[in-house]
Amino acid sequence: MNEQFNYIDKIIKEACVEKKEASLDIDKHPIDKLDILIAECNSENYKQTIESIKEIIKINPELIEELLDQIDTQKKIAELEREKSQKIENGEARLEESLKWSGKLKALNKLNLAVNEKNENLDGDKK
């Protein structure tokens, strides 16, 4: 029995080390960090997401095009999920899912606007 606990404890420790290493790797790869931020962007956290992305882009301006592509990809996913939510039979669940994906779309649109505005400012263009 004690051997089982030691084995389980070993697996847990290894998983914790891998998780810590993975978070360190994300900091070394800003495009991966951007992908995560965009994927997790929603109506509750979009302002913080925008600020985090601005910091990354300030350091890595070459990632703007990839960032815009990723935003477009996430918008397409959100649109598909919103369409799928309309097929849910339970009215309350349908509304909840629809609102969730509509909120994500709005957040992604705001993120897109913020990135494009920042990009225009970097290029020296004026509105």
Protein backbone atom coordinates (compact mmCIF):
# COMPACT_ATOMS: atom_id res chain seq x y z
CA MET A 1 0.00 0.00 0.00
CA ASN A 2 2.83 2.38 0.88
CA GLU A 3 4.41 1.69 -2.53
CA GLN A 4 1.20 2.84 -4.24
CA PHE A 5 1.23 6.12 -2.30
CA ASN A 6 4.89 6.68 -3.14
CA TYR A 7 4.16 6.00 -6.82
CA ILE A 8 1.19 8.39 -6.84
CA ASP A 9 3.22 11.03 -4.99
CA LYS A 10 6.00 10.66 -7.58
CA ILE A 11 3.53 11.14 -10.45
CA ILE A 12 2.05 14.25 -8.80
CA LYS A 13 5.50 15.76 -8.26
CA GLU A 14 6.47 15.08 -11.88
CA ALA A 15 3.25 16.69 -13.11
CA CYS A 16 3.93 19.78 -10.99
CA VAL A 17 7.44 20.06 -12.40
CA GLU A 18 6.12 19.69 -15.96
CA LYS A 19 3.48 22.35 -15.32
CA LYS A 20 6.11 24.73 -13.95
CA GLU A 21 8.37 24.08 -16.94
CA ALA A 22 5.46 24.61 -19.33
CA SER A 23 4.66 28.00 -17.80
CA LEU A 24 8.30 29.01 -18.14
CA ASP A 25 8.27 27.91 -21.79
CA ILE A 26 5.23 30.09 -22.48
CA ASP A 27 7.18 33.14 -21.34
CA LYS A 28 9.93 32.23 -23.82
CA HIS A 29 7.41 31.92 -26.68
CA PRO A 30 5.29 35.06 -26.94
CA ILE A 31 3.22 33.74 -29.86
CA ASP A 32 2.03 30.85 -27.67
CA LYS A 33 1.20 33.29 -24.92
CA LEU A 34 -0.80 35.37 -27.42
CA ASP A 35 -2.65 32.27 -28.59
CA ILE A 36 -3.66 31.44 -25.02
CA LEU A 37 -4.73 35.00 -24.26
CA ILE A 38 -6.87 35.17 -27.39
CA ALA A 39 -8.42 31.75 -26.84
CA GLU A 40 -9.36 32.69 -23.28
CA CYS A 41 -10.60 36.18 -24.17
CA ASN A 42 -14.22 36.75 -23.14
CA SER A 43 -16.56 39.54 -22.05
CA GLU A 44 -15.26 39.43 -18.47
CA ASN A 45 -11.51 39.59 -19.15
CA TYR A 46 -11.11 41.36 -22.48
CA LYS A 47 -9.75 44.60 -20.96
CA GLN A 48 -6.99 42.71 -19.14
CA THR A 49 -6.38 40.64 -22.26
CA ILE A 50 -5.94 43.81 -24.32
CA GLU A 51 -3.43 45.18 -21.82
CA SER A 52 -1.48 41.91 -21.74
CA ILE A 53 -1.40 41.71 -25.53
CA LYS A 54 -0.26 45.35 -25.82
CA GLU A 55 2.70 44.53 -23.58
CA ILE A 56 3.65 41.51 -25.69
CA ILE A 57 3.26 43.43 -28.96
CA LYS A 58 5.32 46.33 -27.61
CA ILE A 59 8.21 43.90 -27.18
CA ASN A 60 7.43 41.79 -30.28
CA PRO A 61 5.80 44.02 -32.93
CA GLU A 62 6.51 41.41 -35.60
CA LEU A 63 3.71 39.28 -34.10
CA ILE A 64 0.89 41.67 -35.03
CA GLU A 65 -0.03 39.83 -38.24
CA GLU A 66 -0.08 36.45 -36.50
CA LEU A 67 -2.11 38.01 -33.69
CA LEU A 68 -4.74 39.27 -36.15
CA ASP A 69 -4.89 35.86 -37.81
CA GLN A 70 -5.42 34.17 -34.46
CA ILE A 71 -8.19 36.63 -33.56
CA ASP A 72 -9.92 35.84 -36.87
CA THR A 73 -9.61 32.11 -36.18
CA GLN A 74 -11.09 32.49 -32.70
CA LYS A 75 -13.93 34.61 -34.09
CA LYS A 76 -14.79 31.87 -36.59
CA ILE A 77 -14.78 29.29 -33.81
CA ALA A 78 -17.02 31.48 -31.65
CA GLU A 79 -19.44 32.02 -34.54
CA LEU A 80 -19.66 28.28 -35.16
CA GLU A 81 -20.21 27.60 -31.46
CA ARG A 82 -22.91 30.27 -31.30
CA GLU A 83 -24.64 28.66 -34.28
CA LYS A 84 -24.41 25.25 -32.61
CA SER A 85 -25.90 26.73 -29.44
CA GLN A 86 -29.05 27.62 -31.37
CA LYS A 87 -29.72 23.90 -31.82
CA ILE A 88 -29.85 23.22 -28.06
CA GLU A 89 -33.37 22.17 -27.15
CA ASN A 90 -33.37 23.40 -23.55
CA GLY A 91 -34.29 27.09 -23.81
CA GLU A 92 -32.32 28.21 -20.76
CA ALA A 93 -29.20 26.30 -21.79
CA ARG A 94 -29.56 27.59 -25.37
CA LEU A 95 -29.76 31.19 -24.14
CA GLU A 96 -26.81 30.74 -21.78
CA GLU A 97 -24.59 29.26 -24.50
CA SER A 98 -25.69 31.83 -27.05
CA LEU A 99 -24.90 34.68 -24.66
CA LYS A 100 -21.52 33.14 -23.81
CA TRP A 101 -20.46 32.93 -27.46
CA SER A 102 -21.97 36.31 -28.34
CA GLY A 103 -19.97 37.81 -25.46
CA LYS A 104 -16.83 36.13 -26.73
CA LEU A 105 -17.43 37.53 -30.21
CA LYS A 106 -17.91 41.04 -28.83
CA ALA A 107 -14.73 40.70 -26.76
CA LEU A 108 -12.77 39.48 -29.78
CA ASN A 109 -14.11 42.36 -31.89
CA LYS A 110 -12.99 44.84 -29.23
CA LEU A 111 -9.63 43.12 -29.10
CA ASN A 112 -9.36 43.34 -32.88
CA LEU A 113 -10.17 47.06 -32.80
CA ALA A 114 -7.59 47.68 -30.08
CA VAL A 115 -4.89 45.83 -32.01
CA ASN A 116 -5.71 47.60 -35.27
CA GLU A 117 -5.70 50.97 -33.50
CA LYS A 118 -2.33 50.17 -31.94
CA ASN A 119 -1.04 48.98 -35.33
CA GLU A 120 -2.15 52.24 -37.00
CA ASN A 121 -0.41 54.24 -34.28
CA LEU A 122 2.78 52.25 -34.85
CA ASP A 123 2.59 52.96 -38.58
CA GLY A 124 2.11 56.66 -37.92
CA ASP A 125 -1.36 56.75 -39.48
CA LYS A 126 -3.99 59.00 -37.98
CA LYS A 127 -7.69 58.36 -37.72
